[in-house]
C-alpha atoms as a PDB file:
ATOM      1  CA  UNK A   1      10.657 -14.014  -1.182  1.00  0.00           C
ATOM      2  CA  UNK A   2       9.443 -15.962   1.778  1.00  0.00           C
ATOM      3  CA  UNK A   3      11.647 -16.842   4.759  1.00  0.00           C
ATOM      4  CA  UNK A   4      10.954 -19.194   7.650  1.00  0.00           C
ATOM      5  CA  UNK A   5      12.043 -17.263  10.750  1.00  0.00           C
ATOM      6  CA  UNK A   6      10.962 -19.758  13.435  1.00  0.00           C
ATOM      7  CA  UNK A   7      14.519 -20.341  14.656  1.00  0.00           C
ATOM      8  CA  UNK A   8      15.289 -16.605  14.777  1.00  0.00           C
ATOM      9  CA  UNK A   9      12.122 -15.989  16.828  1.00  0.00           C
ATOM     10  CA  UNK A  10      13.464 -18.484  19.389  1.00  0.00           C
ATOM     11  CA  UNK A  11      16.824 -16.688  19.596  1.00  0.00           C
ATOM     12  CA  UNK A  12      17.671 -13.872  21.981  1.00  0.00           C
ATOM     13  CA  UNK A  13      17.357 -10.177  21.176  1.00  0.00           C
ATOM     14  CA  UNK A  14      20.131  -8.947  18.913  1.00  0.00           C
ATOM     15  CA  UNK A  15      20.626 -12.154  16.898  1.00  0.00           C
ATOM     16  CA  UNK A  16      20.877 -11.650  13.140  1.00  0.00           C
ATOM     17  CA  UNK A  17      20.615 -13.657   9.967  1.00  0.00           C
ATOM     18  CA  UNK A  18      21.843 -12.549   6.531  1.00  0.00           C
ATOM     19  CA  UNK A  19      20.642 -13.939   3.237  1.00  0.00           C
ATOM     20  CA  UNK A  20      21.689 -13.366  -0.350  1.00  0.00           C
ATOM     21  CA  UNK A  21      18.593 -12.856  -2.421  1.00  0.00           C
ATOM     22  CA  UNK A  22      18.314 -13.912  -6.046  1.00  0.00           C
ATOM     23  CA  UNK A  23      14.591 -13.918  -6.720  1.00  0.00           C
ATOM     24  CA  UNK A  24      13.333 -14.723 -10.174  1.00  0.00           C
ATOM     25  CA  UNK A  25      10.676 -12.699 -11.930  1.00  0.00           C
ATOM     26  CA  UNK A  26       7.164 -13.290 -10.615  1.00  0.00           C
ATOM     27  CA  UNK A  27       3.743 -11.955 -11.459  1.00  0.00           C
ATOM     28  CA  UNK A  28       4.226  -9.169  -8.892  1.00  0.00           C
ATOM     29  CA  UNK A  29       7.935  -8.355  -9.077  1.00  0.00           C
ATOM     30  CA  UNK A  30      10.808  -8.378 -11.605  1.00  0.00           C
ATOM     31  CA  UNK A  31      13.965 -10.427 -11.047  1.00  0.00           C
ATOM     32  CA  UNK A  32      15.754  -9.096  -7.954  1.00  0.00           C
ATOM     33  CA  UNK A  33      19.267  -9.522  -6.527  1.00  0.00           C
ATOM     34  CA  UNK A  34      20.585  -8.290  -3.220  1.00  0.00           C
ATOM     35  CA  UNK A  35      20.964  -8.959   0.457  1.00  0.00           C
ATOM     36  CA  UNK A  36      18.546  -8.950   3.380  1.00  0.00           C
ATOM     37  CA  UNK A  37      19.331  -8.980   7.072  1.00  0.00           C
ATOM     38  CA  UNK A  38      16.936 -10.055   9.827  1.00  0.00           C
ATOM     39  CA  UNK A  39      17.505  -8.696  13.342  1.00  0.00           C
ATOM     40  CA  UNK A  40      15.632 -10.128  16.326  1.00  0.00           C
ATOM     41  CA  UNK A  41      14.199  -7.358  18.515  1.00  0.00           C
ATOM     42  CA  UNK A  42      12.331  -7.675  21.790  1.00  0.00           C
ATOM     43  CA  UNK A  43       8.953  -7.908  20.026  1.00  0.00           C
ATOM     44  CA  UNK A  44       9.580  -8.370  16.299  1.00  0.00           C
ATOM     45  CA  UNK A  45      12.030  -8.950  13.482  1.00  0.00           C
ATOM     46  CA  UNK A  46      13.594  -5.914  11.843  1.00  0.00           C
ATOM     47  CA  UNK A  47      14.327  -6.516   8.162  1.00  0.00           C
ATOM     48  CA  UNK A  48      16.929  -4.437   6.327  1.00  0.00           C
ATOM     49  CA  UNK A  49      17.585  -4.910   2.669  1.00  0.00           C
ATOM     50  CA  UNK A  50      19.601  -3.675  -0.289  1.00  0.00           C
ATOM     51  CA  UNK A  51      18.185  -4.858  -3.558  1.00  0.00           C
ATOM     52  CA  UNK A  52      18.840  -4.278  -7.246  1.00  0.00           C
ATOM     53  CA  UNK A  53      16.615  -4.891 -10.220  1.00  0.00           C
ATOM     54  CA  UNK A  54      16.126  -3.752 -13.794  1.00  0.00           C
ATOM     55  CA  UNK A  55      12.792  -2.599 -15.169  1.00  0.00           C
ATOM     56  CA  UNK A  56      11.837  -2.609 -18.834  1.00  0.00           C
ATOM     57  CA  UNK A  57      10.239   0.793 -19.437  1.00  0.00           C
ATOM     58  CA  UNK A  58       8.969   2.999 -22.237  1.00  0.00           C
ATOM     59  CA  UNK A  59      10.549   6.434 -22.652  1.00  0.00           C
ATOM     60  CA  UNK A  60       8.142   9.288 -21.956  1.00  0.00           C
ATOM     61  CA  UNK A  61       9.501  11.323 -24.902  1.00  0.00           C
ATOM     62  CA  UNK A  62      10.431   8.968 -27.742  1.00  0.00           C
ATOM     63  CA  UNK A  63       8.383   5.876 -26.731  1.00  0.00           C
ATOM     64  CA  UNK A  64      11.381   3.521 -27.183  1.00  0.00           C
ATOM     65  CA  UNK A  65      11.780   0.631 -24.720  1.00  0.00           C
ATOM     66  CA  UNK A  66      14.837   0.735 -22.469  1.00  0.00           C
ATOM     67  CA  UNK A  67      16.235  -0.944 -19.362  1.00  0.00           C
ATOM     68  CA  UNK A  68      16.036   1.126 -16.169  1.00  0.00           C
ATOM     69  CA  UNK A  69      18.332   0.002 -13.300  1.00  0.00           C
ATOM     70  CA  UNK A  70      16.807   0.410  -9.859  1.00  0.00           C
ATOM     71  CA  UNK A  71      18.491   0.195  -6.439  1.00  0.00           C
ATOM     72  CA  UNK A  72      16.312  -0.176  -3.356  1.00  0.00           C
ATOM     73  CA  UNK A  73      17.106   0.107   0.328  1.00  0.00           C
ATOM     74  CA  UNK A  74      14.500  -0.579   2.967  1.00  0.00           C
ATOM     75  CA  UNK A  75      13.956  -1.225   6.622  1.00  0.00           C
ATOM     76  CA  UNK A  76      10.698  -2.759   7.881  1.00  0.00           C
ATOM     77  CA  UNK A  77       9.535  -4.328  11.123  1.00  0.00           C
ATOM     78  CA  UNK A  78       7.549  -7.588  11.020  1.00  0.00           C
ATOM     79  CA  UNK A  79       5.513  -8.759  14.006  1.00  0.00           C
ATOM     80  CA  UNK A  80       4.746 -12.409  14.856  1.00  0.00           C
ATOM     81  CA  UNK A  81       1.081 -13.444  14.749  1.00  0.00           C
ATOM     82  CA  UNK A  82       1.600 -16.372  17.145  1.00  0.00           C
ATOM     83  CA  UNK A  83       3.692 -16.841  20.260  1.00  0.00           C
ATOM     84  CA  UNK A  84       6.661 -19.168  19.660  1.00  0.00           C
ATOM     85  CA  UNK A  85       6.427 -20.829  23.090  1.00  0.00           C
ATOM     86  CA  UNK A  86       2.691 -21.342  23.563  1.00  0.00           C
ATOM     87  CA  UNK A  87       1.536 -21.322  19.933  1.00  0.00           C
ATOM     88  CA  UNK A  88      -1.332 -18.993  20.840  1.00  0.00           C
ATOM     89  CA  UNK A  89      -2.288 -15.968  18.792  1.00  0.00           C
ATOM     90  CA  UNK A  90      -0.609 -12.747  19.867  1.00  0.00           C
ATOM     91  CA  UNK A  91      -3.304 -10.571  21.401  1.00  0.00           C
ATOM     92  CA  UNK A  92      -1.533  -7.229  21.499  1.00  0.00           C
ATOM     93  CA  UNK A  93      -3.067  -4.434  19.456  1.00  0.00           C
ATOM     94  CA  UNK A  94      -2.315  -4.688  15.764  1.00  0.00           C
ATOM     95  CA  UNK A  95       0.160  -1.934  14.951  1.00  0.00           C
ATOM     96  CA  UNK A  96       1.322  -3.080  11.530  1.00  0.00           C
ATOM     97  CA  UNK A  97       0.207  -4.906   8.433  1.00  0.00           C
ATOM     98  CA  UNK A  98       3.610  -6.588   8.280  1.00  0.00           C
ATOM     99  CA  UNK A  99       2.878  -9.850  10.051  1.00  0.00           C
ATOM    100  CA  UNK A 100       4.824 -13.090  10.332  1.00  0.00           C
ATOM    101  CA  UNK A 101       2.212 -15.778   9.657  1.00  0.00           C
ATOM    102  CA  UNK A 102       1.194 -18.642  11.955  1.00  0.00           C
ATOM    103  CA  UNK A 103       3.782 -20.921  10.301  1.00  0.00           C
ATOM    104  CA  UNK A 104       6.520 -18.359  11.111  1.00  0.00           C
ATOM    105  CA  UNK A 105       6.988 -17.343   7.487  1.00  0.00           C
ATOM    106  CA  UNK A 106       7.996 -13.768   6.732  1.00  0.00           C
ATOM    107  CA  UNK A 107       7.018 -12.668   3.204  1.00  0.00           C
ATOM    108  CA  UNK A 108       8.858  -9.716   1.634  1.00  0.00           C
ATOM    109  CA  UNK A 109       6.979  -9.777  -1.689  1.00  0.00           C
ATOM    110  CA  UNK A 110       4.471  -7.000  -0.962  1.00  0.00           C
ATOM    111  CA  UNK A 111       7.052  -4.675   0.599  1.00  0.00           C
ATOM    112  CA  UNK A 112       9.381  -5.094  -2.385  1.00  0.00           C
ATOM    113  CA  UNK A 113       6.514  -4.611  -4.852  1.00  0.00           C
ATOM    114  CA  UNK A 114       5.536  -1.344  -3.164  1.00  0.00           C
ATOM    115  CA  UNK A 115       9.156  -0.153  -3.071  1.00  0.00           C
ATOM    116  CA  UNK A 116       9.483  -0.745  -6.795  1.00  0.00           C
ATOM    117  CA  UNK A 117       6.296   1.210  -7.476  1.00  0.00           C
ATOM    118  CA  UNK A 118       7.396   4.105  -5.269  1.00  0.00           C
ATOM    119  CA  UNK A 119      10.834   4.299  -6.907  1.00  0.00           C
ATOM    120  CA  UNK A 120       9.695   3.990 -10.516  1.00  0.00           C
ATOM    121  CA  UNK A 121       9.871   7.383 -12.262  1.00  0.00           C
ATOM    122  CA  UNK A 122       6.577   8.907 -13.384  1.00  0.00           C
ATOM    123  CA  UNK A 123       8.054  10.087 -16.684  1.00  0.00           C
ATOM    124  CA  UNK A 124      10.999   7.794 -17.463  1.00  0.00           C
ATOM    125  CA  UNK A 125      13.568   8.921 -20.028  1.00  0.00           C
ATOM    126  CA  UNK A 126      15.791   6.603 -22.040  1.00  0.00           C
ATOM    127  CA  UNK A 127      18.542   9.203 -21.607  1.00  0.00           C
ATOM    128  CA  UNK A 128      18.637  12.747 -20.190  1.00  0.00           C
ATOM    129  CA  UNK A 129      19.079  14.391 -23.604  1.00  0.00           C
ATOM    130  CA  UNK A 130      16.288  12.452 -25.345  1.00  0.00           C
ATOM    131  CA  UNK A 131      14.896  14.568 -28.195  1.00  0.00           C
ATOM    132  CA  UNK A 132      11.526  12.839 -28.337  1.00  0.00           C
ATOM    133  CA  UNK A 133       9.223  12.658 -31.354  1.00  0.00           C
ATOM    134  CA  UNK A 134       8.583  15.225 -34.086  1.00  0.00           C
ATOM    135  CA  UNK A 135       5.224  16.868 -33.268  1.00  0.00           C
ATOM    136  CA  UNK A 136       4.321  16.921 -36.973  1.00  0.00           C
ATOM    137  CA  UNK A 137       5.271  13.515 -38.397  1.00  0.00           C
ATOM    138  CA  UNK A 138       6.077  11.454 -35.266  1.00  0.00           C
ATOM    139  CA  UNK A 139       9.644  10.584 -36.311  1.00  0.00           C
ATOM    140  CA  UNK A 140      12.013   9.688 -33.450  1.00  0.00           C
ATOM    141  CA  UNK A 141      14.400  12.676 -33.405  1.00  0.00           C
ATOM    142  CA  UNK A 142      17.086  10.614 -31.631  1.00  0.00           C
ATOM    143  CA  UNK A 143      17.514   8.766 -34.953  1.00  0.00           C
ATOM    144  CA  UNK A 144      18.105  11.955 -36.935  1.00  0.00           C
ATOM    145  CA  UNK A 145      16.179  14.852 -38.387  1.00  0.00           C
ATOM    146  CA  UNK A 146      12.883  14.150 -40.092  1.00  0.00           C
ATOM    147  CA  UNK A 147      12.943  17.019 -42.595  1.00  0.00           C
ATOM    148  CA  UNK A 148       9.668  18.575 -41.469  1.00  0.00           C
ATOM    149  CA  UNK A 149       9.443  22.348 -41.745  1.00  0.00           C
ATOM    150  CA  UNK A 150       7.653  23.531 -38.630  1.00  0.00           C
ATOM    151  CA  UNK A 151       4.995  26.181 -39.066  1.00  0.00           C
ATOM    152  CA  UNK A 152       5.514  29.484 -37.251  1.00  0.00           C
ATOM    153  CA  UNK A 153       3.160  28.520 -34.443  1.00  0.00           C
ATOM    154  CA  UNK A 154       0.260  26.328 -33.655  1.00  0.00           C
ATOM    155  CA  UNK A 155      -3.150  28.027 -33.578  1.00  0.00           C
ATOM    156  CA  UNK A 156      -4.022  29.089 -30.050  1.00  0.00           C
ATOM    157  CA  UNK A 157      -6.820  30.992 -28.348  1.00  0.00           C
ATOM    158  CA  UNK A 158      -6.323  34.719 -28.044  1.00  0.00           C
ATOM    159  CA  UNK A 159      -4.537  35.592 -24.827  1.00  0.00           C
ATOM    160  CA  UNK A 160      -6.309  38.961 -24.535  1.00  0.00           C
ATOM    161  CA  UNK A 161      -9.789  37.463 -24.378  1.00  0.00           C
ATOM    162  CA  UNK A 162      -9.840  33.836 -23.197  1.00  0.00           C
ATOM    163  CA  UNK A 163     -13.634  33.639 -23.647  1.00  0.00           C
ATOM    164  CA  UNK A 164     -13.336  33.786 -27.443  1.00  0.00           C
ATOM    165  CA  UNK A 165     -12.204  30.325 -28.449  1.00  0.00           C
END
């Protein structure tokens, strides 16, 4: 997800470029579809994007694999590392880790990877009413009853005196 923005950096403030994105799966990110827009500002390029992907996940209750659709929207500002006219390194104080490299290439890979991580659920469920696994035999209860007869309760420490375990 790398874009050469040399021409946009030469344009006046307010110029935009739009790109359809159809990135294949890489080591860092799943396959992604969407649209990104680059807007030239007085000192940088503002990137806005709307992306969609599908993650293969394991349910936190029943342990089955399922496909989890994910929609991402982002807005990030990338700063050039070299001046387009003189070719010299930009000497202003570094205010961001989002840098356009010396060859005027803007790379969205790390931003998208972080967005995916931030939007991935901690305890994904294959469906909201997932019944999970039987605590006695491990049968997937979404596939029907297992026939286990649960005991009245599991042995626990006495609530009146927690020191006696």
